[in-house]
């Protein structure tokens, strides 16, 4: 099997994700090393839409997570695959939980503007968005431009 292929087929080819991230490198330039986001399929996440926050901590899943992480040497955002075993074990700053049709739309847009598709899927409700760090931790890590690009007003205008 190709080392860059996702064995579960949910996310497609790793090199296509990396090319998309490289095209948008400036968007991630303010992020600090170790900053990371993850994408998981809702079907394997153990997370149900509308789940109460207390129930999220116990949500157990199984499968694969697509991760984007700023490298320790700060040479940019890198795509990778990790195992996913549940909400509490993600070790990412932001977690996106996507319906199958949203994953398909993201894969289809990798050669184009996948970030706009992700933004649309969030607005549509096909991608749920979980913040694993505080507002101040995200600000300090340089997430503002990334979140603004996705239309997420998490950091807000008031500081």
N, C-alpha and C. Protein backbone atom coordinates (compact mmCIF):
# COMPACT_ATOMS: atom_id res chain seq x y z
N UNK A 1 0.85 -1.19 0.00
CA UNK A 1 0.00 0.00 0.00
C UNK A 1 0.88 1.24 0.00
N UNK A 2 0.46 2.24 -0.72
CA UNK A 2 1.17 3.52 -0.78
C UNK A 2 1.21 4.11 0.62
N UNK A 3 2.38 4.52 1.07
CA UNK A 3 2.55 5.06 2.43
C UNK A 3 1.77 6.33 2.65
N UNK A 4 1.40 7.04 1.60
CA UNK A 4 0.66 8.29 1.78
C UNK A 4 -0.85 8.10 1.63
N UNK A 5 -1.29 6.89 1.35
CA UNK A 5 -2.72 6.63 1.20
C UNK A 5 -3.34 6.39 2.57
N UNK A 6 -4.53 6.89 2.77
CA UNK A 6 -5.27 6.61 3.98
C UNK A 6 -5.90 5.23 3.80
N UNK A 7 -5.57 4.27 4.64
CA UNK A 7 -6.09 2.93 4.45
C UNK A 7 -7.61 2.85 4.58
N UNK A 8 -8.23 3.82 5.21
CA UNK A 8 -9.67 3.83 5.35
C UNK A 8 -10.35 4.54 4.19
N UNK A 9 -9.58 5.23 3.34
CA UNK A 9 -10.13 5.89 2.17
C UNK A 9 -10.98 7.11 2.44
N UNK A 10 -11.12 7.50 3.69
CA UNK A 10 -11.99 8.62 4.02
C UNK A 10 -11.43 9.96 3.55
N UNK A 11 -10.14 10.10 3.61
CA UNK A 11 -9.52 11.39 3.36
C UNK A 11 -8.79 11.48 2.03
N UNK A 12 -8.57 10.36 1.37
CA UNK A 12 -7.85 10.38 0.11
C UNK A 12 -6.35 10.38 0.31
N UNK A 13 -5.65 10.93 -0.65
CA UNK A 13 -4.19 10.90 -0.66
C UNK A 13 -3.58 12.02 0.19
N UNK A 14 -2.62 11.66 0.99
CA UNK A 14 -1.95 12.62 1.86
C UNK A 14 -1.24 13.71 1.06
N UNK A 15 -0.65 13.34 -0.07
CA UNK A 15 0.07 14.34 -0.86
C UNK A 15 -0.87 15.41 -1.42
N UNK A 16 -2.11 15.07 -1.69
CA UNK A 16 -3.09 16.07 -2.16
C UNK A 16 -3.40 17.07 -1.04
N UNK A 17 -3.51 16.57 0.19
CA UNK A 17 -3.73 17.46 1.34
C UNK A 17 -2.53 18.37 1.55
N UNK A 18 -1.33 17.78 1.43
CA UNK A 18 -0.13 18.58 1.63
C UNK A 18 -0.01 19.67 0.58
N UNK A 19 -0.35 19.36 -0.65
CA UNK A 19 -0.31 20.38 -1.71
C UNK A 19 -1.27 21.52 -1.41
N UNK A 20 -2.45 21.18 -0.91
CA UNK A 20 -3.43 22.22 -0.55
C UNK A 20 -2.88 23.08 0.58
N UNK A 21 -2.29 22.46 1.60
CA UNK A 21 -1.73 23.23 2.71
C UNK A 21 -0.59 24.11 2.24
N UNK A 22 0.25 23.60 1.35
CA UNK A 22 1.37 24.39 0.82
C UNK A 22 0.88 25.62 0.05
N UNK A 23 -0.23 25.47 -0.69
CA UNK A 23 -0.78 26.61 -1.44
C UNK A 23 -1.29 27.71 -0.49
N UNK A 24 -1.66 27.33 0.71
CA UNK A 24 -2.20 28.27 1.70
C UNK A 24 -1.22 28.52 2.85
N UNK A 25 0.07 28.33 2.59
CA UNK A 25 1.09 28.42 3.64
C UNK A 25 1.04 29.73 4.42
N UNK A 26 0.75 30.82 3.75
CA UNK A 26 0.72 32.12 4.43
C UNK A 26 -0.35 32.15 5.53
N UNK A 27 -1.42 31.44 5.32
CA UNK A 27 -2.52 31.38 6.28
C UNK A 27 -2.05 30.80 7.63
N UNK A 28 -1.05 29.95 7.57
CA UNK A 28 -0.56 29.27 8.77
C UNK A 28 0.74 29.87 9.30
N UNK A 29 1.22 30.92 8.68
CA UNK A 29 2.55 31.46 9.00
C UNK A 29 2.67 32.03 10.41
N UNK A 30 1.58 32.45 11.01
CA UNK A 30 1.62 33.01 12.37
C UNK A 30 1.46 31.95 13.45
N UNK A 31 1.19 30.72 13.05
CA UNK A 31 0.98 29.66 14.03
C UNK A 31 2.31 29.18 14.59
N UNK A 32 2.29 28.80 15.85
CA UNK A 32 3.50 28.34 16.52
C UNK A 32 3.68 26.84 16.33
N UNK A 33 4.92 26.36 16.41
CA UNK A 33 5.16 24.92 16.29
C UNK A 33 4.30 24.12 17.26
N UNK A 34 3.78 23.02 16.77
CA UNK A 34 2.91 22.17 17.58
C UNK A 34 1.44 22.48 17.42
N UNK A 35 1.09 23.64 16.84
CA UNK A 35 -0.32 23.94 16.59
C UNK A 35 -0.88 22.88 15.67
N UNK A 36 -2.06 22.36 15.98
CA UNK A 36 -2.60 21.28 15.15
C UNK A 36 -4.11 21.26 15.16
N UNK A 37 -4.63 20.80 14.04
CA UNK A 37 -6.07 20.58 13.89
C UNK A 37 -6.26 19.15 13.39
N UNK A 38 -7.43 18.61 13.66
CA UNK A 38 -7.73 17.26 13.22
C UNK A 38 -9.10 17.19 12.59
N UNK A 39 -9.24 16.26 11.66
CA UNK A 39 -10.51 15.97 11.00
C UNK A 39 -10.81 14.50 11.18
N UNK A 40 -12.01 14.19 11.64
CA UNK A 40 -12.45 12.80 11.75
C UNK A 40 -13.83 12.67 11.12
N UNK A 41 -14.12 11.46 10.69
CA UNK A 41 -15.46 11.17 10.16
C UNK A 41 -16.41 11.01 11.33
N UNK A 42 -17.57 11.64 11.25
CA UNK A 42 -18.53 11.51 12.34
C UNK A 42 -18.91 10.05 12.56
N UNK A 43 -19.00 9.28 11.48
CA UNK A 43 -19.43 7.89 11.59
C UNK A 43 -18.52 7.05 12.49
N UNK A 44 -17.26 7.40 12.62
CA UNK A 44 -16.36 6.65 13.48
C UNK A 44 -15.91 7.42 14.71
N UNK A 45 -16.51 8.59 14.92
CA UNK A 45 -16.02 9.48 15.98
C UNK A 45 -16.58 9.16 17.36
N UNK A 46 -17.73 8.52 17.41
CA UNK A 46 -18.40 8.33 18.69
C UNK A 46 -19.12 9.59 19.14
N UNK A 47 -19.06 10.65 18.32
CA UNK A 47 -19.69 11.93 18.64
C UNK A 47 -20.97 12.07 17.82
N UNK A 48 -22.06 12.30 18.48
CA UNK A 48 -23.34 12.47 17.81
C UNK A 48 -23.71 13.94 17.73
N UNK A 49 -24.34 14.37 16.63
CA UNK A 49 -24.77 15.77 16.54
C UNK A 49 -25.65 16.15 17.72
N UNK A 50 -25.41 17.34 18.26
CA UNK A 50 -26.21 17.84 19.38
C UNK A 50 -25.86 17.21 20.71
N UNK A 51 -24.80 16.45 20.76
CA UNK A 51 -24.40 15.77 22.00
C UNK A 51 -24.04 16.81 23.07
N UNK A 52 -24.54 16.61 24.26
CA UNK A 52 -24.24 17.49 25.38
C UNK A 52 -22.75 17.41 25.68
N UNK A 53 -22.16 18.53 26.06
CA UNK A 53 -20.72 18.61 26.29
C UNK A 53 -20.22 17.56 27.27
N UNK A 54 -20.98 17.24 28.30
CA UNK A 54 -20.54 16.24 29.27
C UNK A 54 -20.42 14.87 28.62
N UNK A 55 -21.26 14.58 27.64
CA UNK A 55 -21.20 13.30 26.95
C UNK A 55 -20.05 13.20 25.97
N UNK A 56 -19.50 14.33 25.53
CA UNK A 56 -18.40 14.32 24.57
C UNK A 56 -17.15 13.68 25.16
N UNK A 57 -16.91 13.95 26.43
CA UNK A 57 -15.70 13.44 27.06
C UNK A 57 -15.66 11.92 27.06
N UNK A 58 -16.82 11.29 27.11
CA UNK A 58 -16.85 9.83 27.13
C UNK A 58 -17.03 9.24 25.73
N UNK A 59 -17.15 10.07 24.71
CA UNK A 59 -17.35 9.57 23.35
C UNK A 59 -16.12 8.80 22.88
N UNK A 60 -16.31 7.55 22.60
CA UNK A 60 -15.24 6.69 22.12
C UNK A 60 -15.46 6.41 20.64
N UNK A 61 -14.41 6.53 19.89
CA UNK A 61 -14.49 6.27 18.46
C UNK A 61 -13.37 5.36 18.04
N UNK A 62 -13.39 5.03 16.78
CA UNK A 62 -12.33 4.20 16.22
C UNK A 62 -12.15 4.61 14.77
N UNK A 63 -10.93 4.71 14.37
CA UNK A 63 -10.68 5.05 12.98
C UNK A 63 -9.45 5.91 12.80
N UNK A 64 -9.54 6.73 11.79
CA UNK A 64 -8.41 7.52 11.35
C UNK A 64 -8.73 9.01 11.50
N UNK A 65 -7.70 9.79 11.79
CA UNK A 65 -7.84 11.24 11.85
C UNK A 65 -6.82 11.84 10.89
N UNK A 66 -7.29 12.80 10.09
CA UNK A 66 -6.40 13.61 9.27
C UNK A 66 -5.93 14.74 10.16
N UNK A 67 -4.62 14.91 10.28
CA UNK A 67 -4.11 15.99 11.12
C UNK A 67 -3.31 16.97 10.28
N UNK A 68 -3.39 18.23 10.67
CA UNK A 68 -2.55 19.29 10.12
C UNK A 68 -1.78 19.83 11.31
N UNK A 69 -0.46 19.85 11.22
CA UNK A 69 0.34 20.29 12.36
C UNK A 69 1.53 21.12 11.90
N UNK A 70 1.77 22.21 12.64
CA UNK A 70 2.95 23.03 12.39
C UNK A 70 4.16 22.25 12.93
N UNK A 71 5.15 22.09 12.10
CA UNK A 71 6.33 21.30 12.45
C UNK A 71 7.13 21.95 13.57
N UNK A 72 7.88 21.14 14.33
CA UNK A 72 8.70 21.69 15.42
C UNK A 72 9.71 22.74 14.96
N UNK A 73 10.20 22.61 13.72
CA UNK A 73 11.17 23.58 13.21
C UNK A 73 10.48 24.77 12.53
N UNK A 74 9.13 24.81 12.64
CA UNK A 74 8.31 25.89 12.08
C UNK A 74 8.50 26.03 10.57
N UNK A 75 8.62 24.89 9.88
CA UNK A 75 8.76 24.92 8.43
C UNK A 75 7.42 24.79 7.71
N UNK A 76 6.34 24.94 8.44
CA UNK A 76 5.03 24.96 7.82
C UNK A 76 4.08 23.92 8.36
N UNK A 77 2.86 23.98 7.83
CA UNK A 77 1.81 23.05 8.22
C UNK A 77 1.99 21.76 7.43
N UNK A 78 1.95 20.63 8.13
CA UNK A 78 2.14 19.34 7.50
C UNK A 78 0.92 18.46 7.74
N UNK A 79 0.49 17.79 6.69
CA UNK A 79 -0.63 16.86 6.76
C UNK A 79 -0.12 15.49 7.17
N UNK A 80 -0.93 14.78 7.93
CA UNK A 80 -0.58 13.42 8.32
C UNK A 80 -1.83 12.66 8.74
N UNK A 81 -1.68 11.38 8.95
CA UNK A 81 -2.76 10.55 9.45
C UNK A 81 -2.37 10.03 10.82
N UNK A 82 -3.36 9.99 11.71
CA UNK A 82 -3.17 9.43 13.05
C UNK A 82 -4.36 8.52 13.32
N UNK A 83 -4.16 7.64 14.27
CA UNK A 83 -5.29 6.85 14.73
C UNK A 83 -6.21 7.73 15.57
N UNK A 84 -7.48 7.40 15.63
CA UNK A 84 -8.44 8.14 16.44
C UNK A 84 -9.16 7.15 17.34
N UNK A 85 -9.13 7.41 18.66
CA UNK A 85 -9.79 6.50 19.59
C UNK A 85 -10.83 7.20 20.46
N UNK A 86 -11.01 8.49 20.27
CA UNK A 86 -12.03 9.19 21.05
C UNK A 86 -11.73 10.66 21.22
N UNK A 87 -12.73 11.38 21.60
CA UNK A 87 -12.69 12.83 21.73
C UNK A 87 -11.57 13.31 22.65
N UNK A 88 -11.41 12.68 23.78
CA UNK A 88 -10.43 13.13 24.78
C UNK A 88 -8.98 12.87 24.38
N UNK A 89 -8.77 11.95 23.44
CA UNK A 89 -7.42 11.55 23.08
C UNK A 89 -6.93 12.16 21.77
N UNK A 90 -7.57 13.20 21.27
CA UNK A 90 -7.22 13.71 19.95
C UNK A 90 -5.87 14.42 19.90
N UNK A 91 -5.48 15.08 20.97
CA UNK A 91 -4.23 15.83 21.04
C UNK A 91 -4.10 16.85 19.90
N UNK A 92 -5.21 17.55 19.62
CA UNK A 92 -5.23 18.64 18.65
C UNK A 92 -5.84 19.86 19.33
N UNK A 93 -5.63 21.03 18.72
CA UNK A 93 -6.20 22.26 19.26
C UNK A 93 -7.65 22.46 18.82
N UNK A 94 -7.93 22.05 17.60
CA UNK A 94 -9.26 22.16 17.02
C UNK A 94 -9.62 20.81 16.41
N UNK A 95 -10.85 20.38 16.58
CA UNK A 95 -11.30 19.12 16.01
C UNK A 95 -12.52 19.38 15.13
N UNK A 96 -12.44 18.91 13.90
CA UNK A 96 -13.54 19.01 12.95
C UNK A 96 -14.09 17.60 12.75
N UNK A 97 -15.38 17.43 12.99
CA UNK A 97 -16.04 16.13 12.84
C UNK A 97 -16.98 16.26 11.65
N UNK A 98 -16.66 15.50 10.58
CA UNK A 98 -17.33 15.70 9.29
C UNK A 98 -18.23 14.52 8.91
N UNK A 99 -19.37 14.85 8.36
CA UNK A 99 -20.26 13.85 7.74
C UNK A 99 -19.58 13.33 6.47
N UNK A 100 -19.99 12.16 6.02
CA UNK A 100 -19.39 11.55 4.83
C UNK A 100 -19.45 12.45 3.60
N UNK A 101 -20.60 13.12 3.40
CA UNK A 101 -20.71 13.98 2.20
C UNK A 101 -19.78 15.19 2.29
N UNK A 102 -19.52 15.66 3.51
CA UNK A 102 -18.57 16.77 3.68
C UNK A 102 -17.15 16.29 3.37
N UNK A 103 -16.81 15.09 3.80
CA UNK A 103 -15.49 14.55 3.48
C UNK A 103 -15.32 14.40 1.97
N UNK A 104 -16.37 13.93 1.31
CA UNK A 104 -16.31 13.79 -0.14
C UNK A 104 -16.13 15.15 -0.81
N UNK A 105 -16.86 16.15 -0.36
CA UNK A 105 -16.73 17.50 -0.93
C UNK A 105 -15.32 18.05 -0.71
N UNK A 106 -14.75 17.79 0.46
CA UNK A 106 -13.39 18.24 0.76
C UNK A 106 -12.39 17.56 -0.18
N UNK A 107 -12.50 16.24 -0.33
CA UNK A 107 -11.60 15.51 -1.23
C UNK A 107 -11.71 16.02 -2.66
N UNK A 108 -12.94 16.26 -3.10
CA UNK A 108 -13.17 16.72 -4.47
C UNK A 108 -12.57 18.10 -4.71
N UNK A 109 -12.41 18.89 -3.67
CA UNK A 109 -11.93 20.28 -3.82
C UNK A 109 -10.45 20.45 -3.53
N UNK A 110 -9.73 19.39 -3.27
CA UNK A 110 -8.32 19.51 -2.87
C UNK A 110 -7.46 20.22 -3.90
N UNK A 111 -7.75 20.04 -5.18
CA UNK A 111 -6.94 20.72 -6.20
C UNK A 111 -7.39 22.17 -6.39
N UNK A 112 -8.52 22.53 -5.80
CA UNK A 112 -9.05 23.89 -5.92
C UNK A 112 -8.99 24.62 -4.59
N UNK A 113 -10.15 25.07 -4.13
CA UNK A 113 -10.21 25.84 -2.89
C UNK A 113 -10.92 25.04 -1.80
N UNK A 114 -10.22 24.07 -1.25
CA UNK A 114 -10.81 23.20 -0.23
C UNK A 114 -11.22 23.97 1.02
N UNK A 115 -10.51 25.04 1.35
CA UNK A 115 -10.87 25.81 2.55
C UNK A 115 -12.25 26.45 2.42
N UNK A 116 -12.60 26.89 1.22
CA UNK A 116 -13.95 27.44 1.01
C UNK A 116 -15.01 26.36 1.17
N UNK A 117 -14.69 25.16 0.71
CA UNK A 117 -15.62 24.04 0.86
C UNK A 117 -15.77 23.68 2.33
N UNK A 118 -14.68 23.67 3.06
CA UNK A 118 -14.76 23.39 4.50
C UNK A 118 -15.63 24.45 5.19
N UNK A 119 -15.43 25.71 4.83
CA UNK A 119 -16.23 26.80 5.39
C UNK A 119 -17.72 26.57 5.09
N UNK A 120 -18.05 26.22 3.85
CA UNK A 120 -19.45 25.97 3.47
C UNK A 120 -20.03 24.79 4.24
N UNK A 121 -19.24 23.74 4.39
CA UNK A 121 -19.72 22.56 5.09
C UNK A 121 -19.95 22.85 6.58
N UNK A 122 -19.15 23.71 7.16
CA UNK A 122 -19.37 24.12 8.55
C UNK A 122 -20.69 24.88 8.65
N UNK A 123 -20.88 25.84 7.74
CA UNK A 123 -22.14 26.63 7.75
C UNK A 123 -23.35 25.75 7.53
N UNK A 124 -23.19 24.74 6.69
CA UNK A 124 -24.28 23.82 6.36
C UNK A 124 -24.59 22.87 7.52
N UNK A 125 -23.66 22.73 8.43
CA UNK A 125 -23.83 21.82 9.56
C UNK A 125 -23.31 20.42 9.30
N UNK A 126 -22.61 20.23 8.18
CA UNK A 126 -22.06 18.92 7.85
C UNK A 126 -20.69 18.69 8.49
N UNK A 127 -20.11 19.75 9.04
CA UNK A 127 -18.88 19.63 9.81
C UNK A 127 -19.12 20.32 11.15
N UNK A 128 -18.95 19.56 12.22
CA UNK A 128 -19.02 20.12 13.58
C UNK A 128 -17.61 20.55 13.98
N UNK A 129 -17.54 21.57 14.77
CA UNK A 129 -16.27 22.20 15.13
C UNK A 129 -16.13 22.20 16.64
N UNK A 130 -15.05 21.61 17.14
CA UNK A 130 -14.80 21.55 18.58
C UNK A 130 -13.49 22.26 18.90
N UNK A 131 -13.53 23.11 19.89
CA UNK A 131 -12.36 23.87 20.33
C UNK A 131 -11.80 23.17 21.56
N UNK A 132 -10.56 22.72 21.44
CA UNK A 132 -9.94 21.93 22.51
C UNK A 132 -9.03 22.78 23.40
N UNK A 133 -8.84 24.05 23.04
CA UNK A 133 -7.99 24.98 23.80
C UNK A 133 -8.82 26.21 24.14
N UNK A 134 -8.32 27.02 25.05
CA UNK A 134 -9.02 28.25 25.39
C UNK A 134 -8.83 29.28 24.29
N UNK A 135 -9.66 30.31 24.32
CA UNK A 135 -9.55 31.42 23.37
C UNK A 135 -8.14 32.02 23.42
N UNK A 136 -7.63 32.21 24.60
CA UNK A 136 -6.32 32.85 24.76
C UNK A 136 -5.20 31.95 24.27
N UNK A 137 -5.32 30.65 24.49
CA UNK A 137 -4.31 29.72 23.97
C UNK A 137 -4.31 29.74 22.44
N UNK A 138 -5.50 29.79 21.84
CA UNK A 138 -5.58 29.85 20.37
C UNK A 138 -5.01 31.16 19.84
N UNK A 139 -5.31 32.25 20.53
CA UNK A 139 -4.73 33.54 20.11
C UNK A 139 -3.21 33.50 20.18
N UNK A 140 -2.68 33.00 21.28
CA UNK A 140 -1.23 32.92 21.46
C UNK A 140 -0.59 32.00 20.44
N UNK A 141 -1.32 30.98 19.99
CA UNK A 141 -0.78 30.02 19.01
C UNK A 141 -0.92 30.52 17.57
N UNK A 142 -1.60 31.67 17.36
CA UNK A 142 -1.68 32.26 16.03
C UNK A 142 -2.80 31.75 15.14
N UNK A 143 -3.92 31.33 15.72
CA UNK A 143 -5.03 30.77 14.95
C UNK A 143 -5.97 31.79 14.32
N UNK A 144 -5.83 33.05 14.65
CA UNK A 144 -6.83 34.04 14.26
C UNK A 144 -7.14 34.05 12.77
N UNK A 145 -6.13 34.14 11.93
CA UNK A 145 -6.37 34.21 10.48
C UNK A 145 -7.01 32.93 9.95
N UNK A 146 -6.56 31.80 10.43
CA UNK A 146 -7.13 30.52 10.01
C UNK A 146 -8.61 30.45 10.35
N UNK A 147 -8.96 30.79 11.59
CA UNK A 147 -10.36 30.75 12.00
C UNK A 147 -11.20 31.76 11.23
N UNK A 148 -10.66 32.94 10.98
CA UNK A 148 -11.38 33.95 10.20
C UNK A 148 -11.64 33.45 8.78
N UNK A 149 -10.66 32.77 8.17
CA UNK A 149 -10.81 32.24 6.82
C UNK A 149 -11.95 31.24 6.75
N UNK A 150 -12.13 30.48 7.81
CA UNK A 150 -13.21 29.50 7.84
C UNK A 150 -14.54 30.10 8.29
N UNK A 151 -14.54 31.40 8.54
CA UNK A 151 -15.78 32.06 8.94
C UNK A 151 -16.17 31.77 10.37
N UNK A 152 -15.21 31.36 11.18
CA UNK A 152 -15.49 31.04 12.58
C UNK A 152 -15.11 32.23 13.44
N UNK A 153 -16.10 32.82 14.06
CA UNK A 153 -15.89 34.04 14.84
C UNK A 153 -15.55 33.69 16.29
N UNK A 154 -14.90 32.59 16.49
CA UNK A 154 -14.59 32.15 17.84
C UNK A 154 -13.80 33.19 18.63
N UNK A 155 -12.80 33.80 17.99
CA UNK A 155 -11.99 34.77 18.71
C UNK A 155 -12.68 36.11 18.85
N UNK A 156 -13.63 36.39 17.99
CA UNK A 156 -14.42 37.60 18.08
C UNK A 156 -13.63 38.88 17.89
N UNK A 157 -14.35 39.99 17.84
CA UNK A 157 -13.73 41.29 17.63
C UNK A 157 -13.32 41.94 18.95
N UNK A 158 -13.92 41.49 20.04
CA UNK A 158 -13.64 42.09 21.33
C UNK A 158 -12.50 41.35 22.01
N UNK A 159 -11.50 42.10 22.43
CA UNK A 159 -10.36 41.46 23.12
C UNK A 159 -9.99 42.23 24.34
